[in-house]
Amino acid sequence: MEEGEGIKSSNKPDIRLSSPFSWRGDSFPPILDSENPDHKIRIRDLGIPYIFDIHTHFFPETVMKLIWRWFDNVNWAIGYRLPERERVERLHHNGIERFTTLNYAHKAGMASPLNDWTYANYKKWKGAVPFGTFYPEEGVLTYVKKAVEEYEFCGFKLHCEVSKLNLNTPELADTFLYLQEKQIPILIHTGTAPLPGEFTGIQFFKPFLQTYPKLRIIVAHMGAHEISAYASLLESFPNLGLDTTMVFVDFLATGRKEDVDAAVFYLEKYQNQIYFGSDFPNIPYNLNHPITRFLDLPISDRAKQKILQQNAENLFFK
């Protein structure tokens, strides 16, 4: 699919009007970047040298196009249908100078080749922090150890909905124990937003966390649609974190307006355990939007500094 196909043009209605996911208000944020994003001045004034985005996706081109096809089916307009090099330029253009290389496997035999592909390519993407993935299958611990000890990956990504993954499966016990011992973070999509899965939700996540209480875990989307349930665990589990991906935006795929508004409280209270994420490039608006909406939130400058950059820096490079 060519860049911009299926999105708003001068003689074509915005397909976002027909999305099954709701929006705040009657107008949509621009789909593509402005020449000079206004948030860059604001982060500079806060003393933030650059943004660290903990939730950005990199897949082989054939896989990424299949992912975009799914989004097309729900009128989730994506403007960033660009080659990898240009997508990295878009990140830097918006002040995002460090970012993760998230991908995930939905079947056996896929995770290890994805890790090999990431290792072969991530050094071309200036600012990329390499992440791997894994799947419950024979040999999983072997290739996870390779990703950590040979490839020197900084973390891993799991997607419980797409992968139909039960975090409590015995097949992954040794892998989780290894990553807990090494203190390697795992970013996990375990919430029920935008769509629930067979093994998503707090009822699967909580026993997993209790089994591996010292595992470094970041819950994607703050656990939406169950933000308060996930946030209630932060005090008891200091190695647990949440990312802000697609939460404080005008696109309400991650929950009802009142739930998202109530989540602002957690940003201040747990400012050391929250990380900024965008879900780039799979977002139906430009990168200025989630950053500006975050900067507009009624939280302290110190919390903004930590969430936009310092917490991720400390997690990976301290």
C-alpha atoms as a PDB file:
ATOM      1  CA  MET A   1       0.000   0.000   0.000  1.00  0.00           C
ATOM      2  CA  GLU A   2       1.314   3.421  -0.915  1.00  0.00           C
ATOM      3  CA  GLU A   3       1.833   6.164   1.650  1.00  0.00           C
ATOM      4  CA  GLY A   4      -1.392   7.979   2.379  1.00  0.00           C
ATOM      5  CA  GLU A   5      -3.659   5.462   0.663  1.00  0.00           C
ATOM      6  CA  GLY A   6      -7.000   5.304   2.411  1.00  0.00           C
ATOM      7  CA  ILE A   7      -6.520   8.501   4.416  1.00  0.00           C
ATOM      8  CA  LYS A   8      -8.087  11.892   4.047  1.00  0.00           C
ATOM      9  CA  SER A   9      -7.617  13.821   0.813  1.00  0.00           C
ATOM     10  CA  SER A  10      -9.218  16.909  -0.645  1.00  0.00           C
ATOM     11  CA  ASN A  11     -12.013  14.960  -2.332  1.00  0.00           C
ATOM     12  CA  LYS A  12     -12.291  11.944  -0.066  1.00  0.00           C
ATOM     13  CA  PRO A  13     -13.924  11.707   3.375  1.00  0.00           C
ATOM     14  CA  ASP A  14     -11.728  10.745   6.310  1.00  0.00           C
ATOM     15  CA  ILE A  15     -12.140   6.985   6.845  1.00  0.00           C
ATOM     16  CA  ARG A  16     -11.718   7.561  10.568  1.00  0.00           C
ATOM     17  CA  LEU A  17     -15.370   8.658  10.545  1.00  0.00           C
ATOM     18  CA  SER A  18     -16.286   5.008  10.041  1.00  0.00           C
ATOM     19  CA  SER A  19     -13.969   3.515  12.658  1.00  0.00           C
ATOM     20  CA  PRO A  20     -15.630   1.234  15.235  1.00  0.00           C
ATOM     21  CA  PHE A  21     -13.470   2.993  17.844  1.00  0.00           C
ATOM     22  CA  SER A  22     -14.703   6.348  19.104  1.00  0.00           C
ATOM     23  CA  TRP A  23     -13.002   9.737  19.285  1.00  0.00           C
ATOM     24  CA  ARG A  24     -13.252  12.714  21.593  1.00  0.00           C
ATOM     25  CA  GLY A  25     -15.123  15.551  19.917  1.00  0.00           C
ATOM     26  CA  ASP A  26     -16.034  15.980  16.268  1.00  0.00           C
ATOM     27  CA  SER A  27     -12.650  16.683  14.679  1.00  0.00           C
ATOM     28  CA  PHE A  28      -9.559  14.565  14.175  1.00  0.00           C
ATOM     29  CA  PRO A  29      -5.873  15.428  14.688  1.00  0.00           C
ATOM     30  CA  PRO A  30      -3.832  15.738  11.473  1.00  0.00           C
ATOM     31  CA  ILE A  31      -2.703  12.407  10.081  1.00  0.00           C
ATOM     32  CA  LEU A  32       0.841  13.553   9.189  1.00  0.00           C
ATOM     33  CA  ASP A  33       3.564  15.712  10.718  1.00  0.00           C
ATOM     34  CA  SER A  34       3.799  19.456  10.551  1.00  0.00           C
ATOM     35  CA  GLU A  35       7.086  20.978   9.398  1.00  0.00           C
ATOM     36  CA  ASN A  36       7.870  22.300  12.877  1.00  0.00           C
ATOM     37  CA  PRO A  37       6.110  20.304  15.609  1.00  0.00           C
ATOM     38  CA  ASP A  38       5.263  22.712  18.412  1.00  0.00           C
ATOM     39  CA  HIS A  39       5.994  20.222  21.189  1.00  0.00           C
ATOM     40  CA  LYS A  40       9.741  20.387  20.514  1.00  0.00           C
ATOM     41  CA  ILE A  41       9.901  23.882  21.986  1.00  0.00           C
ATOM     42  CA  ARG A  42       7.880  22.776  24.985  1.00  0.00           C
ATOM     43  CA  ILE A  43      10.095  19.813  25.837  1.00  0.00           C
ATOM     44  CA  ARG A  44      13.186  22.003  25.460  1.00  0.00           C
ATOM     45  CA  ASP A  45      11.671  24.499  27.919  1.00  0.00           C
ATOM     46  CA  LEU A  46      11.163  21.621  30.375  1.00  0.00           C
ATOM     47  CA  GLY A  47      14.853  20.748  30.139  1.00  0.00           C
ATOM     48  CA  ILE A  48      14.142  17.481  28.316  1.00  0.00           C
ATOM     49  CA  PRO A  49      16.916  16.931  25.744  1.00  0.00           C
ATOM     50  CA  TYR A  50      14.866  14.426  23.756  1.00  0.00           C
ATOM     51  CA  ILE A  51      11.983  11.980  24.130  1.00  0.00           C
ATOM     52  CA  PHE A  52      12.496   8.279  24.793  1.00  0.00           C
ATOM     53  CA  ASP A  53       9.603   6.378  23.210  1.00  0.00           C
ATOM     54  CA  ILE A  54       9.366   2.929  24.777  1.00  0.00           C
ATOM     55  CA  HIS A  55       6.681   1.619  22.405  1.00  0.00           C
ATOM     56  CA  THR A  56       7.582   1.765  18.699  1.00  0.00           C
ATOM     57  CA  HIS A  57       7.273  -1.094  16.213  1.00  0.00           C
ATOM     58  CA  PHE A  58       9.671  -2.519  13.640  1.00  0.00           C
ATOM     59  CA  PHE A  59       8.729  -5.592  11.582  1.00  0.00           C
ATOM     60  CA  PRO A  60       9.962  -7.049   8.310  1.00  0.00           C
ATOM     61  CA  GLU A  61       8.135  -5.277   5.489  1.00  0.00           C
ATOM     62  CA  THR A  62       5.933  -8.228   4.559  1.00  0.00           C
ATOM     63  CA  VAL A  63       4.731  -8.622   8.161  1.00  0.00           C
ATOM     64  CA  MET A  64       4.187  -4.890   8.639  1.00  0.00           C
ATOM     65  CA  LYS A  65       1.990  -4.741   5.545  1.00  0.00           C
ATOM     66  CA  LEU A  66      -0.146  -7.575   6.899  1.00  0.00           C
ATOM     67  CA  ILE A  67      -0.511  -5.666  10.167  1.00  0.00           C
ATOM     68  CA  TRP A  68      -1.566  -2.538   8.264  1.00  0.00           C
ATOM     69  CA  ARG A  69      -4.146  -4.596   6.386  1.00  0.00           C
ATOM     70  CA  TRP A  70      -5.772  -5.496   9.709  1.00  0.00           C
ATOM     71  CA  PHE A  71      -5.902  -1.823  10.682  1.00  0.00           C
ATOM     72  CA  ASP A  72      -7.424  -0.972   7.301  1.00  0.00           C
ATOM     73  CA  ASN A  73     -10.294  -3.327   8.047  1.00  0.00           C
ATOM     74  CA  VAL A  74     -11.281  -1.219  11.057  1.00  0.00           C
ATOM     75  CA  ASN A  75     -10.613   2.158   9.367  1.00  0.00           C
ATOM     76  CA  TRP A  76      -7.642   2.818  11.629  1.00  0.00           C
ATOM     77  CA  ALA A  77      -5.958   5.272   9.273  1.00  0.00           C
ATOM     78  CA  ILE A  78      -2.146   5.159   9.365  1.00  0.00           C
ATOM     79  CA  GLY A  79      -0.176   7.916   7.670  1.00  0.00           C
ATOM     80  CA  TYR A  80       3.299   6.576   8.437  1.00  0.00           C
ATOM     81  CA  ARG A  81       3.367   3.894   5.720  1.00  0.00           C
ATOM     82  CA  LEU A  82       6.975   4.660   4.935  1.00  0.00           C
ATOM     83  CA  PRO A  83      10.235   2.747   4.494  1.00  0.00           C
ATOM     84  CA  GLU A  84      12.065   2.112   7.761  1.00  0.00           C
ATOM     85  CA  ARG A  85      14.671   4.799   7.135  1.00  0.00           C
ATOM     86  CA  GLU A  86      11.986   7.447   6.621  1.00  0.00           C
ATOM     87  CA  ARG A  87      10.057   6.295   9.674  1.00  0.00           C
ATOM     88  CA  VAL A  88      13.193   6.747  11.772  1.00  0.00           C
ATOM     89  CA  GLU A  89      13.519  10.248  10.317  1.00  0.00           C
ATOM     90  CA  ARG A  90       9.931  10.964  11.410  1.00  0.00           C
ATOM     91  CA  LEU A  91      10.800   9.920  14.961  1.00  0.00           C
ATOM     92  CA  HIS A  92      13.816  12.235  15.084  1.00  0.00           C
ATOM     93  CA  HIS A  93      11.788  15.020  13.452  1.00  0.00           C
ATOM     94  CA  ASN A  94       9.475  14.852  16.463  1.00  0.00           C
ATOM     95  CA  GLY A  95      12.259  14.883  19.050  1.00  0.00           C
ATOM     96  CA  ILE A  96      12.170  11.128  19.684  1.00  0.00           C
ATOM     97  CA  GLU A  97      15.841  10.198  19.639  1.00  0.00           C
ATOM     98  CA  ARG A  98      15.622   6.881  21.487  1.00  0.00           C
ATOM     99  CA  PHE A  99      12.999   4.236  20.760  1.00  0.00           C
ATOM    100  CA  THR A 100      12.422   0.492  20.979  1.00  0.00           C
ATOM    101  CA  THR A 101      12.229  -2.066  18.146  1.00  0.00           C
ATOM    102  CA  LEU A 102       9.108  -3.921  19.246  1.00  0.00           C
ATOM    103  CA  ASN A 103       7.769  -6.921  17.369  1.00  0.00           C
ATOM    104  CA  TYR A 104       6.077 -10.171  18.374  1.00  0.00           C
ATOM    105  CA  ALA A 105       5.305 -13.661  17.097  1.00  0.00           C
ATOM    106  CA  HIS A 106       1.837 -15.095  16.600  1.00  0.00           C
ATOM    107  CA  LYS A 107       2.911 -18.687  15.906  1.00  0.00           C
ATOM    108  CA  ALA A 108       5.683 -21.163  16.610  1.00  0.00           C
ATOM    109  CA  GLY A 109       8.889 -20.805  14.599  1.00  0.00           C
ATOM    110  CA  MET A 110       8.481 -17.055  14.106  1.00  0.00           C
ATOM    111  CA  ALA A 111      10.129 -15.460  17.150  1.00  0.00           C
ATOM    112  CA  SER A 112      13.733 -16.530  16.607  1.00  0.00           C
ATOM    113  CA  PRO A 113      13.824 -15.303  12.961  1.00  0.00           C
ATOM    114  CA  LEU A 114      12.304 -12.003  14.099  1.00  0.00           C
ATOM    115  CA  ASN A 115      15.125 -11.652  16.616  1.00  0.00           C
ATOM    116  CA  ASP A 116      17.679 -12.411  13.904  1.00  0.00           C
ATOM    117  CA  TRP A 117      16.074  -9.817  11.616  1.00  0.00           C
ATOM    118  CA  THR A 118      16.086  -7.177  14.361  1.00  0.00           C
ATOM    119  CA  TYR A 119      19.743  -7.839  15.146  1.00  0.00           C
ATOM    120  CA  ALA A 120      20.688  -7.608  11.463  1.00  0.00           C
ATOM    121  CA  ASN A 121      18.953  -4.262  11.016  1.00  0.00           C
ATOM    122  CA  TYR A 122      18.599  -2.192  14.188  1.00  0.00           C
ATOM    123  CA  LYS A 123      22.048  -0.563  13.996  1.00  0.00           C
ATOM    124  CA  LYS A 124      20.862   1.214  10.838  1.00  0.00           C
ATOM    125  CA  TRP A 125      18.165   2.987  12.858  1.00  0.00           C
ATOM    126  CA  LYS A 126      19.886   5.742  14.821  1.00  0.00           C
ATOM    127  CA  GLY A 127      18.637   5.719  18.404  1.00  0.00           C
ATOM    128  CA  ALA A 128      17.113   2.232  18.272  1.00  0.00           C
ATOM    129  CA  VAL A 129      17.089   0.221  21.499  1.00  0.00           C
ATOM    130  CA  PRO A 130      16.929  -3.445  20.416  1.00  0.00           C
ATOM    131  CA  PHE A 131      14.091  -5.609  21.709  1.00  0.00           C
ATOM    132  CA  GLY A 132      13.445  -9.254  20.960  1.00  0.00           C
ATOM    133  CA  THR A 133      10.432 -11.483  21.357  1.00  0.00           C
ATOM    134  CA  PHE A 134       9.672 -15.108  22.193  1.00  0.00           C
ATOM    135  CA  TYR A 135       6.904 -17.677  22.035  1.00  0.00           C
ATOM    136  CA  PRO A 136       6.029 -20.826  24.018  1.00  0.00           C
ATOM    137  CA  GLU A 137       7.808 -23.457  21.947  1.00  0.00           C
ATOM    138  CA  GLU A 138      10.705 -25.872  22.011  1.00  0.00           C
ATOM    139  CA  GLY A 139      14.061 -24.099  22.245  1.00  0.00           C
ATOM    140  CA  VAL A 140      12.643 -20.807  23.502  1.00  0.00           C
ATOM    141  CA  LEU A 141      15.136 -20.402  26.344  1.00  0.00           C
ATOM    142  CA  THR A 142      18.045 -21.084  23.977  1.00  0.00           C
ATOM    143  CA  TYR A 143      17.180 -18.315  21.549  1.00  0.00           C
ATOM    144  CA  VAL A 144      16.260 -15.906  24.344  1.00  0.00           C
ATOM    145  CA  LYS A 145      19.708 -16.453  25.871  1.00  0.00           C
ATOM    146  CA  LYS A 146      21.233 -15.840  22.444  1.00  0.00           C
ATOM    147  CA  ALA A 147      19.319 -12.559  22.140  1.00  0.00           C
ATOM    148  CA  VAL A 148      20.558 -11.424  25.554  1.00  0.00           C
ATOM    149  CA  GLU A 149      24.116 -12.761  25.619  1.00  0.00           C
ATOM    150  CA  GLU A 150      25.130 -12.577  21.951  1.00  0.00           C
ATOM    151  CA  TYR A 151      22.835  -9.926  20.454  1.00  0.00           C
ATOM    152  CA  GLU A 152      22.826  -7.840  23.670  1.00  0.00           C
ATOM    153  CA  PHE A 153      19.148  -7.003  23.342  1.00  0.00           C
ATOM    154  CA  CYS A 154      17.832  -4.632  26.012  1.00  0.00           C
ATOM    155  CA  GLY A 155      14.356  -6.136  26.405  1.00  0.00           C
ATOM    156  CA  PHE A 156      11.561  -8.252  24.956  1.00  0.00           C
ATOM    157  CA  LYS A 157       7.994  -7.709  23.752  1.00  0.00           C
ATOM    158  CA  LEU A 158       5.007 -10.035  24.192  1.00  0.00           C
ATOM    159  CA  HIS A 159       1.472  -9.526  22.869  1.00  0.00           C
ATOM    160  CA  CYS A 160      -1.011 -11.730  24.717  1.00  0.00           C
ATOM    161  CA  GLU A 161      -3.945 -10.925  22.415  1.00  0.00           C
ATOM    162  CA  VAL A 162      -2.302 -11.410  19.013  1.00  0.00           C
ATOM    163  CA  SER A 163      -0.185 -14.372  20.157  1.00  0.00           C
ATOM    164  CA  LYS A 164      -3.027 -15.999  22.124  1.00  0.00           C
ATOM    165  CA  LEU A 165      -0.457 -16.190  24.888  1.00  0.00           C
ATOM    166  CA  ASN A 166      -1.162 -17.280  28.445  1.00  0.00           C
ATOM    167  CA  LEU A 167       1.630 -15.780  30.541  1.00  0.00           C
ATOM    168  CA  ASN A 168       1.174 -18.586  33.073  1.00  0.00           C
ATOM    169  CA  THR A 169       2.053 -21.390  30.665  1.00  0.00           C
ATOM    170  CA  PRO A 170       4.698 -23.760  32.103  1.00  0.00           C
ATOM    171  CA  GLU A 171       6.548 -23.709  28.754  1.00  0.00           C
ATOM    172  CA  LEU A 172       7.810 -20.193  29.525  1.00  0.00           C
ATOM    173  CA  ALA A 173       8.672 -20.648  33.212  1.00  0.00           C
ATOM    174  CA  ASP A 174      12.416 -21.125  32.681  1.00  0.00           C
ATOM    175  CA  THR A 175      12.536 -18.170  30.275  1.00  0.00           C
ATOM    176  CA  PHE A 176      10.811 -15.845  32.716  1.00  0.00           C
ATOM    177  CA  LEU A 177      13.073 -17.005  35.547  1.00  0.00           C
ATOM    178  CA  TYR A 178      16.135 -16.347  33.371  1.00  0.00           C
ATOM    179  CA  LEU A 179      14.948 -12.835  32.445  1.00  0.00           C
ATOM    180  CA  GLN A 180      14.073 -12.140  36.074  1.00  0.00           C
ATOM    181  CA  GLU A 181      17.587 -13.155  37.146  1.00  0.00           C
ATOM    182  CA  LYS A 182      19.144 -11.003  34.412  1.00  0.00           C
ATOM    183  CA  GLN A 183      16.737  -8.122  35.132  1.00  0.00           C
ATOM    184  CA  ILE A 184      15.885  -7.803  31.433  1.00  0.00           C
ATOM    185  CA  PRO A 185      12.618  -5.872  30.926  1.00  0.00           C
ATOM    186  CA  ILE A 186       9.606  -7.332  29.128  1.00  0.00           C
ATOM    187  CA  LEU A 187       7.000  -5.018  27.631  1.00  0.00           C
ATOM    188  CA  ILE A 188       3.696  -6.911  27.603  1.00  0.00           C
ATOM    189  CA  HIS A 189       0.401  -6.150  25.900  1.00  0.00           C
ATOM    190  CA  THR A 190      -1.813  -7.862  28.466  1.00  0.00           C
ATOM    191  CA  GLY A 191      -4.786  -5.487  28.702  1.00  0.00           C
ATOM    192  CA  THR A 192      -8.087  -5.962  26.909  1.00  0.00           C
ATOM    193  CA  ALA A 193      -7.827  -2.849  24.688  1.00  0.00           C
ATOM    194  CA  PRO A 194      -8.467  -2.242  21.891  1.00  0.00           C
ATOM    195  CA  LEU A 195      -9.882  -5.778  21.719  1.00  0.00           C
ATOM    196  CA  PRO A 196      -9.898  -8.530  24.357  1.00  0.00           C
ATOM    197  CA  GLY A 197      -8.184 -11.848  23.787  1.00  0.00           C
ATOM    198  CA  GLU A 198      -8.467 -15.333  25.209  1.00  0.00           C
ATOM    199  CA  PHE A 199      -5.663 -14.690  27.708  1.00  0.00           C
ATOM    200  CA  THR A 200      -5.755 -10.912  28.215  1.00  0.00           C
ATOM    201  CA  GLY A 201      -6.849  -9.143  31.366  1.00  0.00           C
ATOM    202  CA  ILE A 202      -5.851  -8.710  34.955  1.00  0.00           C
ATOM    203  CA  GLN A 203      -7.075 -12.213  35.880  1.00  0.00           C
ATOM    204  CA  PHE A 204      -4.194 -13.706  33.870  1.00  0.00           C
ATOM    205  CA  PHE A 205      -1.630 -11.026  34.636  1.00  0.00           C
ATOM    206  CA  LYS A 206      -1.891 -10.905  38.416  1.00  0.00           C
ATOM    207  CA  PRO A 207      -0.960 -14.569  39.084  1.00  0.00           C
ATOM    208  CA  PHE A 208       1.880 -14.214  36.572  1.00  0.00           C
ATOM    209  CA  LEU A 209       3.232 -11.195  38.433  1.00  0.00           C
ATOM    210  CA  GLN A 210       2.942 -12.995  41.761  1.00  0.00           C
ATOM    211  CA  THR A 211       4.934 -15.910  40.344  1.00  0.00           C
ATOM    212  CA  TYR A 212       7.752 -13.637  39.113  1.00  0.00           C
ATOM    213  CA  PRO A 213       7.546 -10.659  41.508  1.00  0.00           C
ATOM    214  CA  LYS A 214      11.005  -9.276  40.679  1.00  0.00           C
ATOM    215  CA  LEU A 215      10.645  -9.524  36.896  1.00  0.00           C
ATOM    216  CA  ARG A 216      10.974  -6.143  35.190  1.00  0.00           C
ATOM    217  CA  ILE A 217       7.642  -5.703  33.413  1.00  0.00           C
ATOM    218  CA  ILE A 218       6.122  -2.780  31.547  1.00  0.00           C
ATOM    219  CA  VAL A 219       2.424  -3.102  30.816  1.00  0.00           C
ATOM    220  CA  ALA A 220       1.468  -1.594  27.467  1.00  0.00           C
ATOM    221  CA  HIS A 221      -1.375   0.953  27.272  1.00  0.00           C
ATOM    222  CA  MET A 222      -1.389   1.166  31.100  1.00  0.00           C
ATOM    223  CA  GLY A 223      -3.407  -2.058  31.000  1.00  0.00           C
ATOM    224  CA  ALA A 224      -6.420  -0.508  29.287  1.00  0.00           C
ATOM    225  CA  HIS A 225      -9.342  -1.247  29.581  1.00  0.00           C
ATOM    226  CA  GLU A 226      -8.396  -2.056  33.206  1.00  0.00           C
ATOM    227  CA  ILE A 227      -6.048   0.807  34.024  1.00  0.00           C
ATOM    228  CA  SER A 228      -6.965   1.113  37.693  1.00  0.00           C
ATOM    229  CA  ALA A 229      -6.530  -2.645  38.274  1.00  0.00           C
ATOM    230  CA  TYR A 230      -3.011  -2.612  36.836  1.00  0.00           C
ATOM    231  CA  ALA A 231      -2.076   0.653  38.545  1.00  0.00           C
ATOM    232  CA  SER A 232      -3.136  -0.791  41.903  1.00  0.00           C
ATOM    233  CA  LEU A 233      -0.214  -3.232  41.644  1.00  0.00           C
ATOM    234  CA  LEU A 234       2.509  -0.592  41.229  1.00  0.00           C
ATOM    235  CA  GLU A 235       3.080   0.086  44.919  1.00  0.00           C
ATOM    236  CA  SER A 236       3.566  -3.575  45.848  1.00  0.00           C
ATOM    237  CA  PHE A 237       5.737  -4.424  42.830  1.00  0.00           C
ATOM    238  CA  PRO A 238       8.469  -1.781  42.334  1.00  0.00           C
ATOM    239  CA  ASN A 239       9.790  -3.505  39.175  1.00  0.00           C
ATOM    240  CA  LEU A 240       6.399  -3.121  37.498  1.00  0.00           C
ATOM    241  CA  GLY A 241       5.776  -0.199  35.151  1.00  0.00           C
ATOM    242  CA  LEU A 242       3.102   1.044  32.763  1.00  0.00           C
ATOM    243  CA  ASP A 243       3.433   2.813  29.434  1.00  0.00           C
ATOM    244  CA  THR A 244       1.180   5.636  28.248  1.00  0.00           C
ATOM    245  CA  THR A 245       0.737   4.297  24.722  1.00  0.00           C
ATOM    246  CA  MET A 246      -2.512   5.541  23.132  1.00  0.00           C
ATOM    247  CA  VAL A 247      -4.044   6.419  26.492  1.00  0.00           C
ATOM    248  CA  PHE A 248      -4.054  10.221  26.746  1.00  0.00           C
ATOM    249  CA  VAL A 249      -5.126  10.940  23.168  1.00  0.00           C
ATOM    250  CA  ASP A 250      -8.326  11.853  21.342  1.00  0.00           C
ATOM    251  CA  PHE A 251      -8.652   8.311  19.957  1.00  0.00           C
ATOM    252  CA  LEU A 252     -10.522   6.244  22.539  1.00  0.00           C
ATOM    253  CA  ALA A 253      -9.552   2.744  21.435  1.00  0.00           C
ATOM    254  CA  THR A 254      -7.998   2.300  24.866  1.00  0.00           C
ATOM    255  CA  GLY A 255     -11.035   3.083  26.966  1.00  0.00           C
ATOM    256  CA  ARG A 256     -13.882   5.322  27.890  1.00  0.00           C
ATOM    257  CA  LYS A 257     -13.189   9.017  28.365  1.00  0.00           C
ATOM    258  CA  GLU A 258     -13.865   8.886  32.101  1.00  0.00           C
ATOM    259  CA  ASP A 259     -11.432   5.991  32.625  1.00  0.00           C
ATOM    260  CA  VAL A 260      -8.668   7.785  30.738  1.00  0.00           C
ATOM    261  CA  ASP A 261      -9.270  11.033  32.612  1.00  0.00           C
ATOM    262  CA  ALA A 262      -9.097   9.188  35.930  1.00  0.00           C
ATOM    263  CA  ALA A 263      -5.744   7.676  34.928  1.00  0.00           C
ATOM    264  CA  VAL A 264      -4.012  11.087  35.066  1.00  0.00           C
ATOM    265  CA  PHE A 265      -3.795  10.673  38.842  1.00  0.00           C
ATOM    266  CA  TYR A 266      -1.459   7.692  38.461  1.00  0.00           C
ATOM    267  CA  LEU A 267       1.040   9.658  36.375  1.00  0.00           C
ATOM    268  CA  GLU A 268       1.862  11.892  39.307  1.00  0.00           C
ATOM    269  CA  LYS A 269       1.619   9.302  42.081  1.00  0.00           C
ATOM    270  CA  TYR A 270       3.707   6.694  40.265  1.00  0.00           C
ATOM    271  CA  GLN A 271       5.873   9.001  38.190  1.00  0.00           C
ATOM    272  CA  ASN A 272       8.928   6.750  38.625  1.00  0.00           C
ATOM    273  CA  GLN A 273       7.128   3.744  37.093  1.00  0.00           C
ATOM    274  CA  ILE A 274       5.472   5.279  34.037  1.00  0.00           C
ATOM    275  CA  TYR A 275       7.007   5.434  30.539  1.00  0.00           C
ATOM    276  CA  PHE A 276       5.985   7.383  27.463  1.00  0.00           C
ATOM    277  CA  GLY A 277       4.935   5.284  24.470  1.00  0.00           C
ATOM    278  CA  SER A 278       3.367   6.150  21.123  1.00  0.00           C
ATOM    279  CA  ASP A 279       2.720   2.874  19.168  1.00  0.00           C
ATOM    280  CA  PHE A 280       4.427   4.451  16.144  1.00  0.00           C
ATOM    281  CA  PRO A 281       3.975   3.909  13.246  1.00  0.00           C
ATOM    282  CA  ASN A 282       0.551   2.308  13.793  1.00  0.00           C
ATOM    283  CA  ILE A 283      -1.301   5.411  14.964  1.00  0.00           C
ATOM    284  CA  PRO A 284      -4.238   7.206  13.298  1.00  0.00           C
ATOM    285  CA  TYR A 285      -2.763  10.684  13.909  1.00  0.00           C
ATOM    286  CA  ASN A 286       0.655  12.297  13.805  1.00  0.00           C
ATOM    287  CA  LEU A 287       3.292  12.049  16.519  1.00  0.00           C
ATOM    288  CA  ASN A 288       2.740  15.606  17.666  1.00  0.00           C
ATOM    289  CA  HIS A 289      -0.680  14.592  18.979  1.00  0.00           C
ATOM    290  CA  PRO A 290       0.209  12.113  21.775  1.00  0.00           C
ATOM    291  CA  ILE A 291       3.165  14.214  22.876  1.00  0.00           C
ATOM    292  CA  THR A 292       1.176  17.457  23.002  1.00  0.00           C
ATOM    293  CA  ARG A 293      -1.734  15.802  24.783  1.00  0.00           C
ATOM    294  CA  PHE A 294       0.688  14.419  27.358  1.00  0.00           C
ATOM    295  CA  LEU A 295       2.331  17.823  27.866  1.00  0.00           C
ATOM    296  CA  ASP A 296      -1.109  19.355  28.397  1.00  0.00           C
ATOM    297  CA  LEU A 297      -1.918  17.050  31.315  1.00  0.00           C
ATOM    298  CA  PRO A 298      -2.184  18.644  34.802  1.00  0.00           C
ATOM    299  CA  ILE A 299       0.880  16.958  36.279  1.00  0.00           C
ATOM    300  CA  SER A 300       4.174  18.376  37.520  1.00  0.00           C
ATOM    301  CA  ASP A 301       7.084  19.246  35.273  1.00  0.00           C
ATOM    302  CA  ARG A 302       9.147  16.708  37.200  1.00  0.00           C
ATOM    303  CA  ALA A 303       6.706  13.924  36.324  1.00  0.00           C
ATOM    304  CA  LYS A 304       6.792  14.947  32.667  1.00  0.00           C
ATOM    305  CA  GLN A 305      10.587  14.884  32.645  1.00  0.00           C
ATOM    306  CA  LYS A 306      10.672  11.403  34.154  1.00  0.00           C
ATOM    307  CA  ILE A 307       7.974   9.901  31.966  1.00  0.00           C
ATOM    308  CA  LEU A 308       9.130  11.401  28.676  1.00  0.00           C
ATOM    309  CA  GLN A 309      12.793  10.500  29.099  1.00  0.00           C
ATOM    310  CA  GLN A 310      14.447   9.813  32.418  1.00  0.00           C
ATOM    311  CA  ASN A 311      12.637   6.651  33.516  1.00  0.00           C
ATOM    312  CA  ALA A 312      13.487   4.817  30.306  1.00  0.00           C
ATOM    313  CA  GLU A 313      17.069   6.055  30.419  1.00  0.00           C
ATOM    314  CA  ASN A 314      17.410   4.724  33.943  1.00  0.00           C
ATOM    315  CA  LEU A 315      15.804   1.409  33.021  1.00  0.00           C
ATOM    316  CA  PHE A 316      18.131   0.619  30.141  1.00  0.00           C
ATOM    317  CA  PHE A 317      21.309   2.597  30.666  1.00  0.00           C
ATOM    318  CA  LYS A 318      21.775   3.302  34.341  1.00  0.00           C
END
